[in-house]
Amino acid sequence: MKKDRLIALTDAVLAIIMTILILELEKPTTPSLQAFWDLRQNFFAYFLCLFSFFFLVGIVMDGTKHIMGKG
């Protein structure tokens, strides 16, 4: 597999997972600060998942770079 195809596949998987994560977020019932505050646990979980996912993708991409002899 060429390097460009692997990068495109990784980008596609990343985009799909981020879309699924966004769709799982609840929408506040009213546009107020209190409504956002009530959903703080959902937003915190989302950002925690997103951060850990980017960390995992970074490790995989670094490993791929070393396997392909570019690092």
Protein backbone atom coordinates (compact mmCIF):
# COMPACT_ATOMS: atom_id res chain seq x y z
CA MET A 1 0.00 0.00 0.00
CA LYS A 2 1.32 3.40 -0.93
CA LYS A 3 1.87 6.02 1.74
CA ASP A 4 -0.70 8.40 0.25
CA ARG A 5 -3.42 5.75 0.32
CA LEU A 6 -2.69 4.93 3.95
CA ILE A 7 -2.88 8.60 4.90
CA ALA A 8 -6.17 9.00 3.03
CA LEU A 9 -7.60 5.94 4.79
CA THR A 10 -6.55 7.27 8.18
CA ASP A 11 -8.08 10.67 7.42
CA ALA A 12 -11.35 9.06 6.34
CA VAL A 13 -11.58 6.97 9.49
CA LEU A 14 -10.82 10.04 11.60
CA ALA A 15 -13.55 12.06 9.87
CA ILE A 16 -16.14 9.30 10.32
CA ILE A 17 -15.37 8.86 14.02
CA MET A 18 -15.45 12.61 14.68
CA THR A 19 -18.82 12.86 12.91
CA ILE A 20 -20.26 10.07 15.02
CA LEU A 21 -18.97 11.71 18.18
CA ILE A 22 -20.55 15.05 17.24
CA LEU A 23 -23.90 13.42 16.48
CA GLU A 24 -23.96 11.91 19.97
CA LEU A 25 -23.81 15.31 21.71
CA GLU A 26 -27.09 16.50 23.17
CA LYS A 27 -28.47 19.85 22.15
CA PRO A 28 -29.31 22.27 25.00
CA THR A 29 -33.03 22.82 25.45
CA THR A 30 -32.69 26.62 25.70
CA PRO A 31 -29.88 28.91 24.52
CA SER A 32 -28.74 29.88 27.99
CA LEU A 33 -25.59 29.48 30.02
CA GLN A 34 -27.42 27.30 32.55
CA ALA A 35 -28.49 24.88 29.81
CA PHE A 36 -24.87 24.50 28.68
CA TRP A 37 -23.75 24.08 32.27
CA ASP A 38 -26.26 21.25 32.74
CA LEU A 39 -24.61 19.41 29.82
CA ARG A 40 -21.06 19.93 31.05
CA GLN A 41 -20.48 16.21 31.68
CA ASN A 42 -21.43 15.36 28.10
CA PHE A 43 -19.11 18.02 26.69
CA PHE A 44 -16.29 16.97 29.02
CA ALA A 45 -16.65 13.33 27.94
CA TYR A 46 -16.65 14.40 24.29
CA PHE A 47 -13.46 16.44 24.62
CA LEU A 48 -11.78 13.69 26.63
CA CYS A 49 -12.63 11.10 23.95
CA LEU A 50 -11.52 13.42 21.17
CA PHE A 51 -8.20 14.19 22.88
CA SER A 52 -7.45 10.52 23.57
CA PHE A 53 -8.42 9.63 20.00
CA PHE A 54 -6.01 12.22 18.55
CA PHE A 55 -3.31 10.88 20.85
CA LEU A 56 -3.95 7.34 19.59
CA VAL A 57 -3.94 8.45 15.94
CA GLY A 58 -0.64 10.23 16.53
CA ILE A 59 0.92 7.06 17.91
CA VAL A 60 -0.38 5.01 14.97
CA MET A 61 0.87 7.55 12.42
CA ASP A 62 4.29 7.64 14.08
CA GLY A 63 4.45 3.85 14.02
CA THR A 64 3.43 3.82 10.36
CA LYS A 65 6.17 6.31 9.55
CA HIS A 66 8.76 4.06 11.18
CA ILE A 67 7.45 0.92 9.46
CA MET A 68 7.65 2.60 6.06
CA GLY A 69 11.22 3.64 6.76
CA LYS A 70 10.58 7.38 6.82
CA GLY A 71 11.44 7.98 10.46
